[in-house]
Amino acid sequence: MNVIAETIKKGRKFDQVIEGARAIFMRDGFEGANVDDIAKAAGVSKATLYSYFPDKRVLFAEVARQECERQSQSTISVVDTATDPREAISHIAWAMVEFVTSDFGINVFRICVAESARFPELGCQFYDSGPKLVRERVGEYLSCAVAQGHFEIDDVELAAEQLMELTKTYIFPRILCGIQLKFSMEEKKRIVDGAVDMFMARYAAKA
């Protein structure tokens, strides 16, 4: 049961609140975000904001959920237009790398990790609408590709997880430790190409 979702009430200015909150959370973080600033950025009163979201953590969880779902839908819609398996895997890898290195991706991860001890439901919500959802969508694609004879995969769930982890090679530990937050196109391409090469070498159907 999603307790966070059950506490949300929607109305005419719901999307305004989400956009305003997104801007403030990304600027100030979860702890630093002020409800007055969120209401001002959204162009609504505090009363209107509270009528939709009973507290700040619920609002943040919804902002994170919507962005993660948007990223997931975008990834799969691009994959659906791919002409061959390697192109599809490359699209997935690029989408993962771009999200992990984006300002939103970095900030939302940091906020969820920082607040997960006090608000465990935030971490669960982020995982369900982010990594878990992407893994499921990638798994669906891989299952179809296996049925079409493009891949030889016994454990699709594991293969989807492996692909996601390959796209975080080098960049994620550096982000996590605050060593590097910006990556050049050459650095991203190196990770994507390596991830695709390794995945295809392991799972591509033998000619």
N, C-alpha and C. Protein backbone atom coordinates (compact mmCIF):
# COMPACT_ATOMS: atom_id res chain seq x y z
N MET A 1 0.85 -1.19 0.00
CA MET A 1 0.00 0.00 0.00
C MET A 1 0.89 1.25 0.00
N ASN A 2 0.59 2.19 -0.86
CA ASN A 2 1.37 3.42 -0.95
C ASN A 2 0.74 4.48 -0.06
N VAL A 3 1.29 4.62 1.16
CA VAL A 3 0.73 5.56 2.12
C VAL A 3 0.88 6.99 1.64
N ILE A 4 2.00 7.30 0.99
CA ILE A 4 2.25 8.65 0.50
C ILE A 4 1.19 9.06 -0.51
N ALA A 5 0.93 8.19 -1.49
CA ALA A 5 -0.03 8.51 -2.55
C ALA A 5 -1.43 8.72 -1.98
N GLU A 6 -1.78 8.00 -0.92
CA GLU A 6 -3.12 8.09 -0.36
C GLU A 6 -3.36 9.42 0.35
N THR A 7 -2.30 10.14 0.70
CA THR A 7 -2.47 11.41 1.41
C THR A 7 -2.54 12.60 0.47
N ILE A 8 -2.33 12.38 -0.82
CA ILE A 8 -2.31 13.47 -1.79
C ILE A 8 -3.72 13.77 -2.30
N LYS A 9 -4.06 15.05 -2.34
CA LYS A 9 -5.32 15.50 -2.92
C LYS A 9 -5.00 16.35 -4.14
N LYS A 10 -5.71 16.11 -5.24
CA LYS A 10 -5.43 16.85 -6.47
C LYS A 10 -6.49 17.93 -6.70
N GLY A 11 -6.05 18.97 -7.43
CA GLY A 11 -6.95 20.06 -7.75
C GLY A 11 -6.44 20.84 -8.95
N ARG A 12 -7.05 21.97 -9.21
CA ARG A 12 -6.76 22.75 -10.42
C ARG A 12 -5.32 23.23 -10.48
N LYS A 13 -4.72 23.54 -9.34
CA LYS A 13 -3.36 24.09 -9.30
C LYS A 13 -2.32 23.06 -8.88
N PHE A 14 -2.68 21.81 -8.97
CA PHE A 14 -1.78 20.73 -8.54
C PHE A 14 -0.46 20.77 -9.31
N ASP A 15 -0.54 20.89 -10.63
CA ASP A 15 0.69 20.89 -11.45
C ASP A 15 1.56 22.11 -11.15
N GLN A 16 0.93 23.25 -10.84
CA GLN A 16 1.70 24.44 -10.47
C GLN A 16 2.51 24.18 -9.22
N VAL A 17 1.89 23.53 -8.26
CA VAL A 17 2.57 23.23 -6.99
C VAL A 17 3.76 22.31 -7.23
N ILE A 18 3.56 21.31 -8.08
CA ILE A 18 4.64 20.36 -8.38
C ILE A 18 5.82 21.07 -9.02
N GLU A 19 5.57 21.93 -10.00
CA GLU A 19 6.64 22.64 -10.69
C GLU A 19 7.37 23.59 -9.75
N GLY A 20 6.62 24.30 -8.92
CA GLY A 20 7.26 25.20 -7.97
C GLY A 20 8.10 24.44 -6.96
N ALA A 21 7.57 23.33 -6.48
CA ALA A 21 8.30 22.52 -5.51
C ALA A 21 9.56 21.93 -6.12
N ARG A 22 9.46 21.49 -7.36
CA ARG A 22 10.63 20.92 -8.03
C ARG A 22 11.77 21.93 -8.06
N ALA A 23 11.45 23.16 -8.43
CA ALA A 23 12.48 24.21 -8.53
C ALA A 23 13.13 24.47 -7.17
N ILE A 24 12.34 24.54 -6.12
CA ILE A 24 12.87 24.87 -4.79
C ILE A 24 13.65 23.70 -4.21
N PHE A 25 13.14 22.47 -4.36
CA PHE A 25 13.86 21.31 -3.84
C PHE A 25 15.22 21.16 -4.51
N MET A 26 15.26 21.39 -5.82
CA MET A 26 16.52 21.25 -6.53
C MET A 26 17.49 22.38 -6.17
N ARG A 27 16.96 23.52 -5.80
CA ARG A 27 17.82 24.65 -5.43
C ARG A 27 18.32 24.53 -3.99
N ASP A 28 17.42 24.15 -3.06
CA ASP A 28 17.72 24.23 -1.64
C ASP A 28 17.84 22.87 -0.94
N GLY A 29 17.52 21.77 -1.65
CA GLY A 29 17.49 20.47 -0.98
C GLY A 29 16.23 20.30 -0.17
N PHE A 30 16.04 19.11 0.39
CA PHE A 30 14.82 18.83 1.14
C PHE A 30 14.78 19.64 2.44
N GLU A 31 15.86 19.56 3.21
CA GLU A 31 15.88 20.22 4.52
C GLU A 31 15.82 21.73 4.37
N GLY A 32 16.50 22.28 3.36
CA GLY A 32 16.56 23.71 3.20
C GLY A 32 15.35 24.32 2.52
N ALA A 33 14.54 23.48 1.87
CA ALA A 33 13.36 23.99 1.16
C ALA A 33 12.34 24.55 2.14
N ASN A 34 11.91 25.76 1.89
CA ASN A 34 10.95 26.44 2.75
C ASN A 34 9.57 26.42 2.09
N VAL A 35 8.56 26.09 2.86
CA VAL A 35 7.20 26.00 2.32
C VAL A 35 6.75 27.35 1.75
N ASP A 36 7.14 28.44 2.37
CA ASP A 36 6.79 29.76 1.85
C ASP A 36 7.40 29.97 0.46
N ASP A 37 8.66 29.54 0.30
CA ASP A 37 9.32 29.69 -1.00
C ASP A 37 8.65 28.80 -2.06
N ILE A 38 8.26 27.61 -1.66
CA ILE A 38 7.59 26.71 -2.60
C ILE A 38 6.27 27.31 -3.06
N ALA A 39 5.49 27.82 -2.12
CA ALA A 39 4.21 28.43 -2.46
C ALA A 39 4.40 29.63 -3.39
N LYS A 40 5.44 30.44 -3.10
CA LYS A 40 5.71 31.61 -3.94
C LYS A 40 6.12 31.18 -5.35
N ALA A 41 7.00 30.17 -5.45
CA ALA A 41 7.45 29.69 -6.76
C ALA A 41 6.30 29.09 -7.55
N ALA A 42 5.35 28.49 -6.84
CA ALA A 42 4.21 27.85 -7.50
C ALA A 42 3.10 28.85 -7.82
N GLY A 43 3.15 30.04 -7.22
CA GLY A 43 2.11 31.04 -7.45
C GLY A 43 0.81 30.68 -6.77
N VAL A 44 0.90 30.04 -5.59
CA VAL A 44 -0.29 29.66 -4.83
C VAL A 44 -0.11 30.08 -3.38
N SER A 45 -1.19 30.03 -2.63
CA SER A 45 -1.11 30.31 -1.20
C SER A 45 -0.64 29.07 -0.45
N LYS A 46 -0.16 29.26 0.77
CA LYS A 46 0.24 28.12 1.59
C LYS A 46 -0.96 27.23 1.87
N ALA A 47 -2.13 27.84 2.02
CA ALA A 47 -3.33 27.06 2.27
C ALA A 47 -3.63 26.12 1.10
N THR A 48 -3.45 26.64 -0.11
CA THR A 48 -3.68 25.80 -1.29
C THR A 48 -2.66 24.67 -1.34
N LEU A 49 -1.40 24.99 -1.06
CA LEU A 49 -0.35 23.98 -1.06
C LEU A 49 -0.67 22.87 -0.06
N TYR A 50 -1.05 23.25 1.14
CA TYR A 50 -1.33 22.26 2.18
C TYR A 50 -2.62 21.48 1.89
N SER A 51 -3.49 22.06 1.08
CA SER A 51 -4.72 21.32 0.74
C SER A 51 -4.41 20.15 -0.18
N TYR A 52 -3.29 20.24 -0.91
CA TYR A 52 -2.87 19.15 -1.79
C TYR A 52 -1.91 18.19 -1.09
N PHE A 53 -1.00 18.74 -0.30
CA PHE A 53 0.04 17.94 0.34
C PHE A 53 0.10 18.28 1.83
N PRO A 54 -0.13 17.30 2.70
CA PRO A 54 -0.17 17.57 4.13
C PRO A 54 1.17 17.93 4.74
N ASP A 55 2.28 17.50 4.13
CA ASP A 55 3.59 17.91 4.62
C ASP A 55 4.62 17.85 3.49
N LYS A 56 5.80 18.38 3.80
CA LYS A 56 6.84 18.58 2.78
C LYS A 56 7.36 17.26 2.21
N ARG A 57 7.49 16.24 3.03
CA ARG A 57 8.05 14.99 2.53
C ARG A 57 7.13 14.32 1.50
N VAL A 58 5.82 14.49 1.69
CA VAL A 58 4.86 13.95 0.72
C VAL A 58 4.99 14.68 -0.60
N LEU A 59 5.17 15.99 -0.53
CA LEU A 59 5.34 16.79 -1.73
C LEU A 59 6.61 16.40 -2.47
N PHE A 60 7.71 16.24 -1.72
CA PHE A 60 8.95 15.84 -2.36
C PHE A 60 8.83 14.47 -3.01
N ALA A 61 8.19 13.53 -2.33
CA ALA A 61 8.02 12.18 -2.87
C ALA A 61 7.26 12.22 -4.19
N GLU A 62 6.27 13.09 -4.30
CA GLU A 62 5.50 13.17 -5.53
C GLU A 62 6.33 13.81 -6.65
N VAL A 63 7.12 14.83 -6.32
CA VAL A 63 8.01 15.43 -7.32
C VAL A 63 8.97 14.38 -7.86
N ALA A 64 9.59 13.61 -6.98
CA ALA A 64 10.54 12.58 -7.40
C ALA A 64 9.85 11.50 -8.22
N ARG A 65 8.65 11.10 -7.79
CA ARG A 65 7.93 10.04 -8.52
C ARG A 65 7.62 10.47 -9.95
N GLN A 66 7.11 11.67 -10.11
CA GLN A 66 6.74 12.14 -11.45
C GLN A 66 7.95 12.22 -12.37
N GLU A 67 9.07 12.73 -11.85
CA GLU A 67 10.26 12.86 -12.69
C GLU A 67 10.82 11.49 -13.06
N CYS A 68 10.83 10.57 -12.12
CA CYS A 68 11.34 9.22 -12.41
C CYS A 68 10.46 8.51 -13.43
N GLU A 69 9.16 8.66 -13.30
CA GLU A 69 8.26 8.03 -14.26
C GLU A 69 8.42 8.65 -15.65
N ARG A 70 8.62 9.97 -15.67
CA ARG A 70 8.84 10.63 -16.97
C ARG A 70 10.09 10.10 -17.63
N GLN A 71 11.15 9.94 -16.85
CA GLN A 71 12.40 9.42 -17.39
C GLN A 71 12.22 7.99 -17.90
N SER A 72 11.48 7.19 -17.15
CA SER A 72 11.25 5.80 -17.53
C SER A 72 10.46 5.70 -18.83
N GLN A 73 9.39 6.49 -18.93
CA GLN A 73 8.56 6.48 -20.13
C GLN A 73 9.36 6.95 -21.34
N SER A 74 10.19 7.97 -21.14
CA SER A 74 11.00 8.49 -22.24
C SER A 74 11.98 7.44 -22.73
N THR A 75 12.59 6.72 -21.79
CA THR A 75 13.57 5.68 -22.15
C THR A 75 12.93 4.60 -23.00
N ILE A 76 11.80 4.09 -22.55
CA ILE A 76 11.15 2.98 -23.26
C ILE A 76 10.57 3.43 -24.59
N SER A 77 10.05 4.65 -24.67
CA SER A 77 9.50 5.12 -25.95
C SER A 77 10.58 5.21 -27.01
N VAL A 78 11.79 5.58 -26.60
CA VAL A 78 12.91 5.64 -27.54
C VAL A 78 13.33 4.24 -27.95
N VAL A 79 13.36 3.32 -26.98
CA VAL A 79 13.74 1.93 -27.27
C VAL A 79 12.80 1.31 -28.28
N ASP A 80 11.52 1.65 -28.18
CA ASP A 80 10.52 1.06 -29.08
C ASP A 80 10.78 1.42 -30.54
N THR A 81 11.53 2.51 -30.79
CA THR A 81 11.79 2.92 -32.17
C THR A 81 13.12 2.37 -32.67
N ALA A 82 13.84 1.65 -31.83
CA ALA A 82 15.15 1.12 -32.22
C ALA A 82 15.00 0.07 -33.32
N THR A 83 15.97 0.05 -34.22
CA THR A 83 15.90 -0.86 -35.36
C THR A 83 16.60 -2.19 -35.11
N ASP A 84 17.48 -2.24 -34.12
CA ASP A 84 18.16 -3.50 -33.80
C ASP A 84 18.49 -3.55 -32.32
N PRO A 85 18.80 -4.73 -31.77
CA PRO A 85 19.02 -4.88 -30.34
C PRO A 85 20.14 -4.00 -29.79
N ARG A 86 21.25 -3.90 -30.52
CA ARG A 86 22.36 -3.08 -30.02
C ARG A 86 21.94 -1.62 -29.92
N GLU A 87 21.19 -1.14 -30.88
CA GLU A 87 20.72 0.24 -30.83
C GLU A 87 19.80 0.45 -29.64
N ALA A 88 18.95 -0.52 -29.37
CA ALA A 88 18.03 -0.42 -28.22
C ALA A 88 18.80 -0.38 -26.91
N ILE A 89 19.77 -1.25 -26.75
CA ILE A 89 20.58 -1.26 -25.53
C ILE A 89 21.36 0.05 -25.39
N SER A 90 21.83 0.58 -26.50
CA SER A 90 22.55 1.85 -26.48
C SER A 90 21.63 2.98 -26.02
N HIS A 91 20.38 2.99 -26.51
CA HIS A 91 19.42 4.00 -26.08
C HIS A 91 19.20 3.92 -24.57
N ILE A 92 19.02 2.70 -24.05
CA ILE A 92 18.81 2.52 -22.62
C ILE A 92 20.01 3.03 -21.84
N ALA A 93 21.19 2.66 -22.29
CA ALA A 93 22.42 3.06 -21.60
C ALA A 93 22.58 4.58 -21.58
N TRP A 94 22.32 5.21 -22.72
CA TRP A 94 22.43 6.67 -22.77
C TRP A 94 21.43 7.33 -21.84
N ALA A 95 20.20 6.83 -21.83
CA ALA A 95 19.17 7.40 -20.97
C ALA A 95 19.56 7.29 -19.50
N MET A 96 20.12 6.14 -19.12
CA MET A 96 20.55 5.94 -17.75
C MET A 96 21.69 6.89 -17.37
N VAL A 97 22.69 6.98 -18.24
CA VAL A 97 23.83 7.85 -17.96
C VAL A 97 23.39 9.32 -17.87
N GLU A 98 22.54 9.74 -18.77
CA GLU A 98 22.09 11.14 -18.76
C GLU A 98 21.30 11.45 -17.49
N PHE A 99 20.49 10.48 -17.03
CA PHE A 99 19.71 10.73 -15.82
C PHE A 99 20.61 10.77 -14.59
N VAL A 100 21.52 9.81 -14.49
CA VAL A 100 22.40 9.73 -13.32
C VAL A 100 23.26 10.99 -13.20
N THR A 101 23.68 11.56 -14.33
CA THR A 101 24.57 12.72 -14.31
C THR A 101 23.81 14.06 -14.38
N SER A 102 22.48 14.01 -14.48
CA SER A 102 21.70 15.24 -14.54
C SER A 102 21.62 15.89 -13.17
N ASP A 103 21.39 17.19 -13.14
CA ASP A 103 21.24 17.90 -11.87
C ASP A 103 20.12 17.28 -11.05
N PHE A 104 19.01 16.97 -11.71
CA PHE A 104 17.88 16.38 -10.98
C PHE A 104 18.26 15.02 -10.43
N GLY A 105 18.86 14.17 -11.26
CA GLY A 105 19.22 12.84 -10.81
C GLY A 105 20.15 12.86 -9.61
N ILE A 106 21.14 13.74 -9.65
CA ILE A 106 22.10 13.85 -8.55
C ILE A 106 21.41 14.36 -7.29
N ASN A 107 20.60 15.41 -7.44
CA ASN A 107 19.97 16.01 -6.28
C ASN A 107 18.92 15.12 -5.64
N VAL A 108 18.11 14.47 -6.47
CA VAL A 108 17.04 13.64 -5.91
C VAL A 108 17.63 12.43 -5.19
N PHE A 109 18.73 11.90 -5.71
CA PHE A 109 19.38 10.78 -5.04
C PHE A 109 19.93 11.22 -3.68
N ARG A 110 20.61 12.33 -3.68
CA ARG A 110 21.19 12.83 -2.43
C ARG A 110 20.11 13.10 -1.38
N ILE A 111 19.02 13.71 -1.82
CA ILE A 111 17.95 14.04 -0.88
C ILE A 111 17.33 12.77 -0.30
N CYS A 112 17.06 11.79 -1.16
CA CYS A 112 16.45 10.55 -0.70
C CYS A 112 17.35 9.81 0.27
N VAL A 113 18.64 9.75 -0.04
CA VAL A 113 19.58 9.07 0.85
C VAL A 113 19.70 9.82 2.18
N ALA A 114 19.76 11.13 2.12
CA ALA A 114 19.93 11.92 3.33
C ALA A 114 18.72 11.81 4.25
N GLU A 115 17.52 11.67 3.67
CA GLU A 115 16.31 11.69 4.48
C GLU A 115 15.71 10.30 4.72
N SER A 116 16.29 9.26 4.11
CA SER A 116 15.68 7.93 4.19
C SER A 116 15.66 7.37 5.62
N ALA A 117 16.62 7.76 6.46
CA ALA A 117 16.63 7.27 7.84
C ALA A 117 15.45 7.85 8.63
N ARG A 118 15.16 9.14 8.43
CA ARG A 118 14.05 9.77 9.14
C ARG A 118 12.71 9.43 8.51
N PHE A 119 12.70 9.35 7.16
CA PHE A 119 11.47 9.08 6.43
C PHE A 119 11.68 7.91 5.48
N PRO A 120 11.65 6.68 5.98
CA PRO A 120 11.92 5.51 5.13
C PRO A 120 11.02 5.42 3.91
N GLU A 121 9.80 5.96 4.02
CA GLU A 121 8.88 5.88 2.88
C GLU A 121 9.38 6.67 1.69
N LEU A 122 10.21 7.69 1.92
CA LEU A 122 10.77 8.46 0.81
C LEU A 122 11.67 7.57 -0.04
N GLY A 123 12.55 6.82 0.63
CA GLY A 123 13.44 5.92 -0.10
C GLY A 123 12.66 4.86 -0.85
N CYS A 124 11.64 4.31 -0.20
CA CYS A 124 10.81 3.28 -0.86
C CYS A 124 10.11 3.85 -2.08
N GLN A 125 9.56 5.06 -1.93
CA GLN A 125 8.86 5.69 -3.05
C GLN A 125 9.81 5.95 -4.21
N PHE A 126 11.00 6.47 -3.89
CA PHE A 126 11.96 6.75 -4.94
C PHE A 126 12.39 5.47 -5.64
N TYR A 127 12.63 4.41 -4.87
CA TYR A 127 13.04 3.14 -5.48
C TYR A 127 11.94 2.57 -6.37
N ASP A 128 10.70 2.61 -5.89
CA ASP A 128 9.59 2.04 -6.66
C ASP A 128 9.33 2.79 -7.96
N SER A 129 9.45 4.12 -7.90
CA SER A 129 9.15 4.93 -9.09
C SER A 129 10.39 5.21 -9.93
N GLY A 130 11.56 4.85 -9.42
CA GLY A 130 12.81 5.07 -10.14
C GLY A 130 13.47 3.78 -10.57
N PRO A 131 14.46 3.30 -9.81
CA PRO A 131 15.20 2.09 -10.22
C PRO A 131 14.33 0.87 -10.49
N LYS A 132 13.35 0.63 -9.63
CA LYS A 132 12.50 -0.56 -9.82
C LYS A 132 11.68 -0.46 -11.09
N LEU A 133 11.11 0.72 -11.35
CA LEU A 133 10.28 0.90 -12.54
C LEU A 133 11.11 0.77 -13.81
N VAL A 134 12.30 1.37 -13.82
CA VAL A 134 13.17 1.27 -14.99
C VAL A 134 13.59 -0.18 -15.23
N ARG A 135 13.94 -0.87 -14.14
CA ARG A 135 14.32 -2.28 -14.27
C ARG A 135 13.19 -3.09 -14.87
N GLU A 136 11.98 -2.84 -14.44
CA GLU A 136 10.83 -3.59 -14.96
C GLU A 136 10.61 -3.30 -16.44
N ARG A 137 10.73 -2.02 -16.82
CA ARG A 137 10.53 -1.65 -18.22
C ARG A 137 11.64 -2.24 -19.11
N VAL A 138 12.87 -2.18 -18.62
CA VAL A 138 13.98 -2.78 -19.37
C VAL A 138 13.79 -4.28 -19.47
N GLY A 139 13.32 -4.89 -18.38
CA GLY A 139 13.06 -6.33 -18.39
C GLY A 139 12.00 -6.72 -19.40
N GLU A 140 10.98 -5.88 -19.53
CA GLU A 140 9.92 -6.14 -20.51
C GLU A 140 10.49 -6.14 -21.93
N TYR A 141 11.35 -5.15 -22.20
CA TYR A 141 11.98 -5.11 -23.52
C TYR A 141 12.84 -6.34 -23.75
N LEU A 142 13.65 -6.69 -22.76
CA LEU A 142 14.55 -7.84 -22.91
C LEU A 142 13.76 -9.14 -23.11
N SER A 143 12.66 -9.28 -22.41
CA SER A 143 11.83 -10.48 -22.58
C SER A 143 11.32 -10.60 -24.02
N CYS A 144 10.88 -9.48 -24.56
CA CYS A 144 10.40 -9.48 -25.96
C CYS A 144 11.55 -9.79 -26.92
N ALA A 145 12.72 -9.21 -26.65
CA ALA A 145 13.88 -9.42 -27.51
C ALA A 145 14.36 -10.87 -27.44
N VAL A 146 14.26 -11.48 -26.26
CA VAL A 146 14.61 -12.90 -26.12
C VAL A 146 13.65 -13.75 -26.94
N ALA A 147 12.36 -13.44 -26.86
CA ALA A 147 11.35 -14.19 -27.61
C ALA A 147 11.56 -14.08 -29.12
N GLN A 148 12.13 -12.94 -29.54
CA GLN A 148 12.40 -12.73 -30.97
C GLN A 148 13.74 -13.29 -31.40
N GLY A 149 14.48 -13.86 -30.45
CA GLY A 149 15.75 -14.50 -30.78
C GLY A 149 16.95 -13.58 -30.81
N HIS A 150 16.80 -12.34 -30.28
CA HIS A 150 17.92 -11.39 -30.30
C HIS A 150 18.90 -11.61 -29.16
N PHE A 151 18.39 -12.11 -28.03
CA PHE A 151 19.25 -12.33 -26.86
C PHE A 151 19.04 -13.74 -26.31
N GLU A 152 20.05 -14.22 -25.59
CA GLU A 152 19.95 -15.49 -24.86
C GLU A 152 20.12 -15.17 -23.38
N ILE A 153 19.00 -15.05 -22.68
CA ILE A 153 19.01 -14.63 -21.28
C ILE A 153 18.12 -15.57 -20.47
N ASP A 154 18.71 -16.19 -19.46
CA ASP A 154 17.95 -17.06 -18.58
C ASP A 154 17.26 -16.29 -17.46
N ASP A 155 17.93 -15.26 -16.95
CA ASP A 155 17.40 -14.46 -15.84
C ASP A 155 17.28 -13.02 -16.32
N VAL A 156 16.11 -12.67 -16.83
CA VAL A 156 15.90 -11.33 -17.40
C VAL A 156 16.00 -10.25 -16.34
N GLU A 157 15.49 -10.52 -15.14
CA GLU A 157 15.54 -9.52 -14.08
C GLU A 157 16.99 -9.19 -13.71
N LEU A 158 17.81 -10.22 -13.61
CA LEU A 158 19.22 -9.99 -13.30
C LEU A 158 19.92 -9.24 -14.43
N ALA A 159 19.63 -9.62 -15.67
CA ALA A 159 20.25 -8.95 -16.82
C ALA A 159 19.89 -7.47 -16.85
N ALA A 160 18.64 -7.14 -16.54
CA ALA A 160 18.22 -5.74 -16.50
C ALA A 160 18.98 -4.98 -15.42
N GLU A 161 19.14 -5.60 -14.25
CA GLU A 161 19.90 -4.97 -13.18
C GLU A 161 21.36 -4.77 -13.58
N GLN A 162 21.92 -5.77 -14.25
CA GLN A 162 23.32 -5.67 -14.67
C GLN A 162 23.52 -4.52 -15.65
N LEU A 163 22.59 -4.37 -16.58
CA LEU A 163 22.71 -3.28 -17.55
C LEU A 163 22.65 -1.93 -16.84
N MET A 164 21.73 -1.79 -15.90
CA MET A 164 21.62 -0.54 -15.15
C MET A 164 22.90 -0.23 -14.39
N GLU A 165 23.49 -1.25 -13.78
CA GLU A 165 24.71 -1.04 -13.01
C GLU A 165 25.90 -0.71 -13.92
N LEU A 166 25.96 -1.34 -15.09
CA LEU A 166 27.05 -1.05 -16.02
C LEU A 166 27.07 0.41 -16.43
N THR A 167 25.90 1.02 -16.52
CA THR A 167 25.83 2.42 -16.95
C THR A 167 26.26 3.38 -15.84
N LYS A 168 26.46 2.88 -14.63
CA LYS A 168 26.91 3.73 -13.53
C LYS A 168 28.40 3.56 -13.24
N THR A 169 29.06 2.71 -14.01
CA THR A 169 30.49 2.48 -13.83
C THR A 169 31.26 3.80 -13.90
N TYR A 170 32.19 4.00 -12.99
CA TYR A 170 33.08 5.16 -12.94
C TYR A 170 32.36 6.42 -12.47
N ILE A 171 31.20 6.73 -13.06
CA ILE A 171 30.57 8.01 -12.77
C ILE A 171 29.87 8.03 -11.41
N PHE A 172 29.18 6.94 -11.06
CA PHE A 172 28.36 6.97 -9.85
C PHE A 172 29.19 7.08 -8.57
N PRO A 173 30.27 6.31 -8.42
CA PRO A 173 31.08 6.48 -7.20
C PRO A 173 31.65 7.89 -7.08
N ARG A 174 31.99 8.50 -8.19
CA ARG A 174 32.55 9.85 -8.15
C ARG A 174 31.48 10.86 -7.74
N ILE A 175 30.26 10.66 -8.22
CA ILE A 175 29.15 11.53 -7.80
C ILE A 175 28.86 11.33 -6.32
N LEU A 176 28.78 10.08 -5.90
CA LEU A 176 28.44 9.74 -4.52
C LEU A 176 29.42 10.35 -3.54
N CYS A 177 30.69 10.37 -3.90
CA CYS A 177 31.73 10.91 -3.01
C CYS A 177 31.99 12.39 -3.23
N GLY A 178 31.26 13.01 -4.17
CA GLY A 178 31.43 14.43 -4.42
C GLY A 178 32.72 14.79 -5.13
N ILE A 179 33.35 13.81 -5.76
CA ILE A 179 34.61 14.06 -6.46
C ILE A 179 34.37 14.78 -7.78
N GLN A 180 33.28 14.41 -8.46
CA GLN A 180 33.01 14.98 -9.77
C GLN A 180 31.50 14.97 -10.01
N LEU A 181 30.95 16.10 -10.45
CA LEU A 181 29.51 16.21 -10.69
C LEU A 181 29.19 16.51 -12.15
N LYS A 182 30.16 16.92 -12.91
CA LYS A 182 29.95 17.22 -14.32
C LYS A 182 30.82 16.29 -15.16
N PHE A 183 30.26 15.74 -16.23
CA PHE A 183 30.96 14.79 -17.07
C PHE A 183 30.85 15.21 -18.53
N SER A 184 31.96 15.10 -19.23
CA SER A 184 31.97 15.49 -20.64
C SER A 184 31.27 14.44 -21.48
N MET A 185 30.95 14.81 -22.72
CA MET A 185 30.33 13.87 -23.63
C MET A 185 31.25 12.69 -23.90
N GLU A 186 32.54 12.94 -23.93
CA GLU A 186 33.51 11.86 -24.15
C GLU A 186 33.49 10.86 -23.00
N GLU A 187 33.39 11.37 -21.76
CA GLU A 187 33.33 10.48 -20.60
C GLU A 187 32.05 9.65 -20.61
N LYS A 188 30.94 10.29 -20.94
CA LYS A 188 29.67 9.57 -20.99
C LYS A 188 29.69 8.50 -22.08
N LYS A 189 30.24 8.86 -23.25
CA LYS A 189 30.29 7.92 -24.37
C LYS A 189 31.16 6.71 -24.01
N ARG A 190 32.22 6.95 -23.30
CA ARG A 190 33.10 5.86 -22.89
C ARG A 190 32.32 4.84 -22.03
N ILE A 191 31.52 5.34 -21.10
CA ILE A 191 30.73 4.47 -20.23
C ILE A 191 29.65 3.74 -21.02
N VAL A 192 28.95 4.48 -21.88
CA VAL A 192 27.88 3.87 -22.68
C VAL A 192 28.44 2.79 -23.59
N ASP A 193 29.48 3.11 -24.32
CA ASP A 193 30.06 2.13 -25.25
C ASP A 193 30.55 0.89 -24.52
N GLY A 194 31.18 1.09 -23.36
CA GLY A 194 31.67 -0.04 -22.60
C GLY A 194 30.54 -0.90 -22.07
N ALA A 195 29.47 -0.25 -21.60
CA ALA A 195 28.31 -0.99 -21.08
C ALA A 195 27.65 -1.81 -22.19
N VAL A 196 27.46 -1.19 -23.34
CA VAL A 196 26.81 -1.88 -24.46
C VAL A 196 27.67 -3.04 -24.94
N ASP A 197 28.96 -2.80 -25.08
CA ASP A 197 29.86 -3.87 -25.55
C ASP A 197 29.83 -5.07 -24.60
N MET A 198 29.88 -4.79 -23.30
CA MET A 198 29.91 -5.88 -22.33
C MET A 198 28.58 -6.63 -22.30
N PHE A 199 27.47 -5.88 -22.34
CA PHE A 199 26.15 -6.52 -22.30
C PHE A 199 25.93 -7.39 -23.54
N MET A 200 26.28 -6.85 -24.70
CA MET A 200 26.09 -7.61 -25.94
C MET A 200 26.98 -8.85 -25.98
N ALA A 201 28.20 -8.72 -25.47
CA ALA A 201 29.12 -9.86 -25.46
C ALA A 201 28.58 -10.99 -24.60
N ARG A 202 27.89 -10.62 -23.52
CA ARG A 202 27.35 -11.63 -22.60
C ARG A 202 26.03 -12.22 -23.09
N TYR A 203 25.16 -11.38 -23.64
CA TYR A 203 23.78 -11.86 -23.86
C TYR A 203 23.31 -11.91 -25.31
N ALA A 204 24.02 -11.28 -26.24
CA ALA A 204 23.56 -11.29 -27.64
C ALA A 204 23.50 -12.73 -28.14
N ALA A 205 22.43 -13.04 -28.89
CA ALA A 205 22.29 -14.39 -29.45
C ALA A 205 23.45 -14.69 -30.40
N LYS A 206 23.95 -15.89 -30.31
CA LYS A 206 25.04 -16.30 -31.19
C LYS A 206 24.52 -16.49 -32.62
N ALA A 207 25.29 -16.02 -33.57
CA ALA A 207 24.86 -16.12 -34.98
C ALA A 207 24.80 -17.58 -35.39
